[in-house]
C-alpha atoms as a PDB file:
ATOM      1  CA  UNK A   1     -53.924 -19.990  38.066  1.00  0.00           C
ATOM      2  CA  UNK A   2     -53.840 -18.086  41.395  1.00  0.00           C
ATOM      3  CA  UNK A   3     -56.680 -20.784  42.177  1.00  0.00           C
ATOM      4  CA  UNK A   4     -53.835 -23.926  41.679  1.00  0.00           C
ATOM      5  CA  UNK A   5     -51.224 -22.022  42.888  1.00  0.00           C
ATOM      6  CA  UNK A   6     -53.263 -21.706  46.510  1.00  0.00           C
ATOM      7  CA  UNK A   7     -54.453 -25.870  46.370  1.00  0.00           C
ATOM      8  CA  UNK A   8     -50.361 -26.570  45.967  1.00  0.00           C
ATOM      9  CA  UNK A   9     -49.574 -24.647  48.688  1.00  0.00           C
ATOM     10  CA  UNK A  10     -52.391 -26.028  50.905  1.00  0.00           C
ATOM     11  CA  UNK A  11     -51.159 -29.173  50.913  1.00  0.00           C
ATOM     12  CA  UNK A  12     -48.214 -28.780  51.171  1.00  0.00           C
ATOM     13  CA  UNK A  13     -48.608 -26.685  54.282  1.00  0.00           C
ATOM     14  CA  UNK A  14     -51.033 -29.789  55.293  1.00  0.00           C
ATOM     15  CA  UNK A  15     -48.604 -32.358  54.503  1.00  0.00           C
ATOM     16  CA  UNK A  16     -45.854 -30.763  56.466  1.00  0.00           C
ATOM     17  CA  UNK A  17     -48.206 -30.306  59.809  1.00  0.00           C
ATOM     18  CA  UNK A  18     -48.919 -33.902  58.887  1.00  0.00           C
ATOM     19  CA  UNK A  19     -45.273 -34.720  59.157  1.00  0.00           C
ATOM     20  CA  UNK A  20     -44.639 -33.082  62.234  1.00  0.00           C
ATOM     21  CA  UNK A  21     -42.110 -30.596  60.515  1.00  0.00           C
ATOM     22  CA  UNK A  22     -41.785 -26.866  61.501  1.00  0.00           C
ATOM     23  CA  UNK A  23     -41.762 -23.668  58.940  1.00  0.00           C
ATOM     24  CA  UNK A  24     -38.243 -23.329  59.863  1.00  0.00           C
ATOM     25  CA  UNK A  25     -37.359 -27.021  59.387  1.00  0.00           C
ATOM     26  CA  UNK A  26     -38.539 -26.648  55.526  1.00  0.00           C
ATOM     27  CA  UNK A  27     -36.425 -23.450  55.232  1.00  0.00           C
ATOM     28  CA  UNK A  28     -33.516 -24.808  56.158  1.00  0.00           C
ATOM     29  CA  UNK A  29     -33.798 -27.846  54.124  1.00  0.00           C
ATOM     30  CA  UNK A  30     -34.587 -25.591  51.025  1.00  0.00           C
ATOM     31  CA  UNK A  31     -31.838 -22.891  51.526  1.00  0.00           C
ATOM     32  CA  UNK A  32     -34.520 -20.352  51.673  1.00  0.00           C
ATOM     33  CA  UNK A  33     -35.701 -17.457  54.162  1.00  0.00           C
ATOM     34  CA  UNK A  34     -38.397 -19.037  56.513  1.00  0.00           C
ATOM     35  CA  UNK A  35     -40.342 -15.596  55.126  1.00  0.00           C
ATOM     36  CA  UNK A  36     -40.251 -17.360  51.594  1.00  0.00           C
ATOM     37  CA  UNK A  37     -41.016 -20.660  52.294  1.00  0.00           C
ATOM     38  CA  UNK A  38     -44.410 -19.033  54.301  1.00  0.00           C
ATOM     39  CA  UNK A  39     -45.037 -17.208  51.319  1.00  0.00           C
ATOM     40  CA  UNK A  40     -44.983 -20.705  49.499  1.00  0.00           C
ATOM     41  CA  UNK A  41     -47.174 -22.176  51.956  1.00  0.00           C
ATOM     42  CA  UNK A  42     -50.020 -19.312  51.904  1.00  0.00           C
ATOM     43  CA  UNK A  43     -50.190 -18.913  48.714  1.00  0.00           C
ATOM     44  CA  UNK A  44     -48.634 -15.172  47.933  1.00  0.00           C
ATOM     45  CA  UNK A  45     -45.038 -16.473  46.078  1.00  0.00           C
ATOM     46  CA  UNK A  46     -45.234 -19.422  43.552  1.00  0.00           C
ATOM     47  CA  UNK A  47     -43.230 -22.190  44.563  1.00  0.00           C
ATOM     48  CA  UNK A  48     -40.723 -23.592  41.656  1.00  0.00           C
ATOM     49  CA  UNK A  49     -40.588 -26.808  40.163  1.00  0.00           C
ATOM     50  CA  UNK A  50     -37.627 -27.503  41.677  1.00  0.00           C
ATOM     51  CA  UNK A  51     -38.310 -26.630  44.783  1.00  0.00           C
ATOM     52  CA  UNK A  52     -41.693 -28.610  44.623  1.00  0.00           C
ATOM     53  CA  UNK A  53     -39.103 -31.541  43.990  1.00  0.00           C
ATOM     54  CA  UNK A  54     -37.372 -31.007  47.283  1.00  0.00           C
ATOM     55  CA  UNK A  55     -40.662 -30.572  49.266  1.00  0.00           C
ATOM     56  CA  UNK A  56     -41.813 -34.009  48.078  1.00  0.00           C
ATOM     57  CA  UNK A  57     -38.695 -35.499  48.913  1.00  0.00           C
ATOM     58  CA  UNK A  58     -38.772 -34.179  52.209  1.00  0.00           C
ATOM     59  CA  UNK A  59     -42.172 -35.109  53.030  1.00  0.00           C
ATOM     60  CA  UNK A  60     -41.733 -38.388  51.456  1.00  0.00           C
ATOM     61  CA  UNK A  61     -44.325 -37.827  49.097  1.00  0.00           C
ATOM     62  CA  UNK A  62     -44.381 -38.215  45.046  1.00  0.00           C
ATOM     63  CA  UNK A  63     -44.464 -34.627  43.676  1.00  0.00           C
ATOM     64  CA  UNK A  64     -47.977 -35.451  42.019  1.00  0.00           C
ATOM     65  CA  UNK A  65     -49.253 -35.664  45.233  1.00  0.00           C
ATOM     66  CA  UNK A  66     -48.638 -32.085  45.826  1.00  0.00           C
ATOM     67  CA  UNK A  67     -49.761 -30.918  41.868  1.00  0.00           C
ATOM     68  CA  UNK A  68     -52.731 -33.102  41.737  1.00  0.00           C
ATOM     69  CA  UNK A  69     -53.661 -33.869  45.395  1.00  0.00           C
ATOM     70  CA  UNK A  70     -53.856 -37.541  44.509  1.00  0.00           C
ATOM     71  CA  UNK A  71     -51.094 -40.431  44.695  1.00  0.00           C
ATOM     72  CA  UNK A  72     -49.781 -42.083  41.952  1.00  0.00           C
ATOM     73  CA  UNK A  73     -50.550 -45.975  41.746  1.00  0.00           C
ATOM     74  CA  UNK A  74     -48.379 -47.376  38.869  1.00  0.00           C
ATOM     75  CA  UNK A  75     -45.517 -49.112  40.124  1.00  0.00           C
ATOM     76  CA  UNK A  76     -44.456 -51.316  36.930  1.00  0.00           C
ATOM     77  CA  UNK A  77     -45.269 -48.680  34.383  1.00  0.00           C
ATOM     78  CA  UNK A  78     -46.735 -45.384  32.937  1.00  0.00           C
ATOM     79  CA  UNK A  79     -47.543 -44.050  29.861  1.00  0.00           C
ATOM     80  CA  UNK A  80     -47.813 -40.033  29.230  1.00  0.00           C
ATOM     81  CA  UNK A  81     -49.280 -39.615  25.618  1.00  0.00           C
ATOM     82  CA  UNK A  82     -47.989 -36.613  23.713  1.00  0.00           C
ATOM     83  CA  UNK A  83     -49.173 -33.186  25.284  1.00  0.00           C
ATOM     84  CA  UNK A  84     -51.031 -35.192  28.226  1.00  0.00           C
ATOM     85  CA  UNK A  85     -48.435 -34.848  31.101  1.00  0.00           C
ATOM     86  CA  UNK A  86     -49.850 -32.748  34.171  1.00  0.00           C
ATOM     87  CA  UNK A  87     -49.043 -28.911  32.755  1.00  0.00           C
ATOM     88  CA  UNK A  88     -47.453 -27.119  35.632  1.00  0.00           C
ATOM     89  CA  UNK A  89     -46.979 -23.537  35.440  1.00  0.00           C
ATOM     90  CA  UNK A  90     -44.904 -22.727  38.415  1.00  0.00           C
ATOM     91  CA  UNK A  91     -42.595 -19.928  37.000  1.00  0.00           C
ATOM     92  CA  UNK A  92     -43.689 -17.112  34.423  1.00  0.00           C
ATOM     93  CA  UNK A  93     -40.868 -17.701  32.429  1.00  0.00           C
ATOM     94  CA  UNK A  94     -41.095 -21.139  32.018  1.00  0.00           C
ATOM     95  CA  UNK A  95     -44.427 -24.052  31.346  1.00  0.00           C
ATOM     96  CA  UNK A  96     -43.378 -27.815  32.683  1.00  0.00           C
ATOM     97  CA  UNK A  97     -45.587 -30.573  31.368  1.00  0.00           C
ATOM     98  CA  UNK A  98     -45.169 -33.270  34.227  1.00  0.00           C
ATOM     99  CA  UNK A  99     -44.461 -36.913  32.005  1.00  0.00           C
ATOM    100  CA  UNK A 100     -44.410 -39.452  34.463  1.00  0.00           C
ATOM    101  CA  UNK A 101     -47.002 -38.119  37.915  1.00  0.00           C
ATOM    102  CA  UNK A 102     -48.414 -41.211  38.187  1.00  0.00           C
ATOM    103  CA  UNK A 103     -45.607 -43.604  38.948  1.00  0.00           C
ATOM    104  CA  UNK A 104     -45.127 -44.258  42.046  1.00  0.00           C
ATOM    105  CA  UNK A 105     -41.421 -43.863  44.170  1.00  0.00           C
ATOM    106  CA  UNK A 106     -39.773 -42.188  41.533  1.00  0.00           C
ATOM    107  CA  UNK A 107     -35.967 -41.604  41.870  1.00  0.00           C
ATOM    108  CA  UNK A 108     -36.090 -38.081  39.565  1.00  0.00           C
ATOM    109  CA  UNK A 109     -39.073 -36.095  38.047  1.00  0.00           C
ATOM    110  CA  UNK A 110     -39.350 -35.562  33.972  1.00  0.00           C
ATOM    111  CA  UNK A 111     -40.792 -32.793  32.431  1.00  0.00           C
ATOM    112  CA  UNK A 112     -41.121 -31.377  28.695  1.00  0.00           C
ATOM    113  CA  UNK A 113     -40.026 -27.574  29.599  1.00  0.00           C
ATOM    114  CA  UNK A 114     -41.468 -24.649  26.889  1.00  0.00           C
ATOM    115  CA  UNK A 115     -39.589 -21.243  27.019  1.00  0.00           C
ATOM    116  CA  UNK A 116     -41.363 -18.580  25.626  1.00  0.00           C
ATOM    117  CA  UNK A 117     -38.660 -15.958  24.186  1.00  0.00           C
ATOM    118  CA  UNK A 118     -38.476 -12.310  26.014  1.00  0.00           C
ATOM    119  CA  UNK A 119     -39.301  -9.530  24.569  1.00  0.00           C
ATOM    120  CA  UNK A 120     -37.512  -6.864  26.630  1.00  0.00           C
ATOM    121  CA  UNK A 121     -33.764  -8.317  26.163  1.00  0.00           C
ATOM    122  CA  UNK A 122     -33.299  -8.520  30.124  1.00  0.00           C
ATOM    123  CA  UNK A 123     -31.760 -11.778  31.620  1.00  0.00           C
ATOM    124  CA  UNK A 124     -34.084 -14.261  32.694  1.00  0.00           C
ATOM    125  CA  UNK A 125     -34.498 -14.572  36.878  1.00  0.00           C
ATOM    126  CA  UNK A 126     -32.119 -17.384  38.200  1.00  0.00           C
ATOM    127  CA  UNK A 127     -33.299 -19.962  40.569  1.00  0.00           C
ATOM    128  CA  UNK A 128     -31.255 -23.149  42.405  1.00  0.00           C
ATOM    129  CA  UNK A 129     -32.421 -26.210  44.353  1.00  0.00           C
ATOM    130  CA  UNK A 130     -30.484 -28.920  45.811  1.00  0.00           C
ATOM    131  CA  UNK A 131     -29.385 -31.749  43.473  1.00  0.00           C
ATOM    132  CA  UNK A 132     -28.545 -32.187  39.630  1.00  0.00           C
ATOM    133  CA  UNK A 133     -30.240 -31.441  36.484  1.00  0.00           C
ATOM    134  CA  UNK A 134     -30.141 -32.739  33.067  1.00  0.00           C
ATOM    135  CA  UNK A 135     -31.614 -31.055  30.111  1.00  0.00           C
ATOM    136  CA  UNK A 136     -32.196 -31.968  26.876  1.00  0.00           C
ATOM    137  CA  UNK A 137     -33.183 -29.491  23.965  1.00  0.00           C
ATOM    138  CA  UNK A 138     -35.888 -31.057  21.792  1.00  0.00           C
ATOM    139  CA  UNK A 139     -36.649 -27.672  20.026  1.00  0.00           C
ATOM    140  CA  UNK A 140     -35.014 -24.448  19.332  1.00  0.00           C
ATOM    141  CA  UNK A 141     -32.104 -22.812  21.043  1.00  0.00           C
ATOM    142  CA  UNK A 142     -31.773 -22.141  24.420  1.00  0.00           C
ATOM    143  CA  UNK A 143     -28.956 -19.688  26.505  1.00  0.00           C
ATOM    144  CA  UNK A 144     -28.174 -21.469  29.695  1.00  0.00           C
ATOM    145  CA  UNK A 145     -27.186 -19.292  32.306  1.00  0.00           C
ATOM    146  CA  UNK A 146     -25.433 -21.078  35.235  1.00  0.00           C
ATOM    147  CA  UNK A 147     -22.806 -19.744  37.971  1.00  0.00           C
ATOM    148  CA  UNK A 148     -21.369 -16.946  36.021  1.00  0.00           C
ATOM    149  CA  UNK A 149     -21.523 -18.581  32.620  1.00  0.00           C
ATOM    150  CA  UNK A 150     -23.482 -18.465  29.326  1.00  0.00           C
ATOM    151  CA  UNK A 151     -23.772 -21.274  27.267  1.00  0.00           C
ATOM    152  CA  UNK A 152     -25.621 -21.411  23.793  1.00  0.00           C
ATOM    153  CA  UNK A 153     -27.318 -25.003  23.433  1.00  0.00           C
ATOM    154  CA  UNK A 154     -29.372 -26.158  19.699  1.00  0.00           C
ATOM    155  CA  UNK A 155     -31.799 -28.997  19.216  1.00  0.00           C
ATOM    156  CA  UNK A 156     -29.872 -32.043  20.276  1.00  0.00           C
ATOM    157  CA  UNK A 157     -27.597 -30.527  22.533  1.00  0.00           C
ATOM    158  CA  UNK A 158     -27.753 -31.410  26.043  1.00  0.00           C
ATOM    159  CA  UNK A 159     -26.362 -30.122  29.681  1.00  0.00           C
ATOM    160  CA  UNK A 160     -26.127 -31.861  33.044  1.00  0.00           C
ATOM    161  CA  UNK A 161     -25.021 -29.816  36.074  1.00  0.00           C
ATOM    162  CA  UNK A 162     -25.274 -29.181  39.829  1.00  0.00           C
ATOM    163  CA  UNK A 163     -28.686 -27.616  40.436  1.00  0.00           C
ATOM    164  CA  UNK A 164     -27.315 -25.844  43.724  1.00  0.00           C
ATOM    165  CA  UNK A 165     -25.497 -23.120  41.432  1.00  0.00           C
ATOM    166  CA  UNK A 166     -28.168 -20.545  40.488  1.00  0.00           C
ATOM    167  CA  UNK A 167     -29.262 -21.108  36.754  1.00  0.00           C
ATOM    168  CA  UNK A 168     -32.047 -19.964  33.901  1.00  0.00           C
ATOM    169  CA  UNK A 169     -32.587 -20.712  30.627  1.00  0.00           C
ATOM    170  CA  UNK A 170     -33.860 -18.221  27.886  1.00  0.00           C
ATOM    171  CA  UNK A 171     -34.719 -19.001  24.256  1.00  0.00           C
ATOM    172  CA  UNK A 172     -33.175 -17.301  21.542  1.00  0.00           C
ATOM    173  CA  UNK A 173     -34.091 -16.277  18.142  1.00  0.00           C
ATOM    174  CA  UNK A 174     -37.182 -14.657  18.885  1.00  0.00           C
ATOM    175  CA  UNK A 175     -38.652 -18.306  18.900  1.00  0.00           C
ATOM    176  CA  UNK A 176     -40.012 -20.707  21.813  1.00  0.00           C
ATOM    177  CA  UNK A 177     -37.487 -23.475  23.098  1.00  0.00           C
ATOM    178  CA  UNK A 178     -38.246 -26.776  24.858  1.00  0.00           C
ATOM    179  CA  UNK A 179     -36.197 -29.299  26.605  1.00  0.00           C
ATOM    180  CA  UNK A 180     -36.764 -32.273  28.365  1.00  0.00           C
ATOM    181  CA  UNK A 181     -35.563 -31.655  32.006  1.00  0.00           C
ATOM    182  CA  UNK A 182     -34.756 -34.335  34.442  1.00  0.00           C
ATOM    183  CA  UNK A 183     -34.604 -33.241  37.981  1.00  0.00           C
ATOM    184  CA  UNK A 184     -32.571 -35.425  40.496  1.00  0.00           C
END
């Protein structure tokens, strides 16, 4: 996994340099410190999927280019078969599967996210990113933490929110939970 993180970090740095953006430009755009952004680019800090989405937007490339090093080519439709999306393990507490990485010029990113239950009983790490997010629970139950709120979602429930607010998801009942995430 560390090798994959380094490959993505190298692509981000190279594309940033080609685009004539400084580390400071990117850090300000992403609303993170120069130090954190530097860690993203040197591969010592894992880049959250939501931040990758914003980096791709700023660099005017598809997120798939950052993840795989290949440009998407599909412009009429793309099909992703069950379980065949590009796996992205961007944060320890979540496993992402990109559902439309081959489609060019997407207006949103689509993921199936799996959250494993926590064994410690501690609150999950939160993150935030520019834009909005929609989550639809496919399996299990989730506790969503967002802006001093805790919301329980069960299978078939959904939530749409301003993702600039700190948020996190936690699987409940000692079972994995899966949800469809759309990042806009």
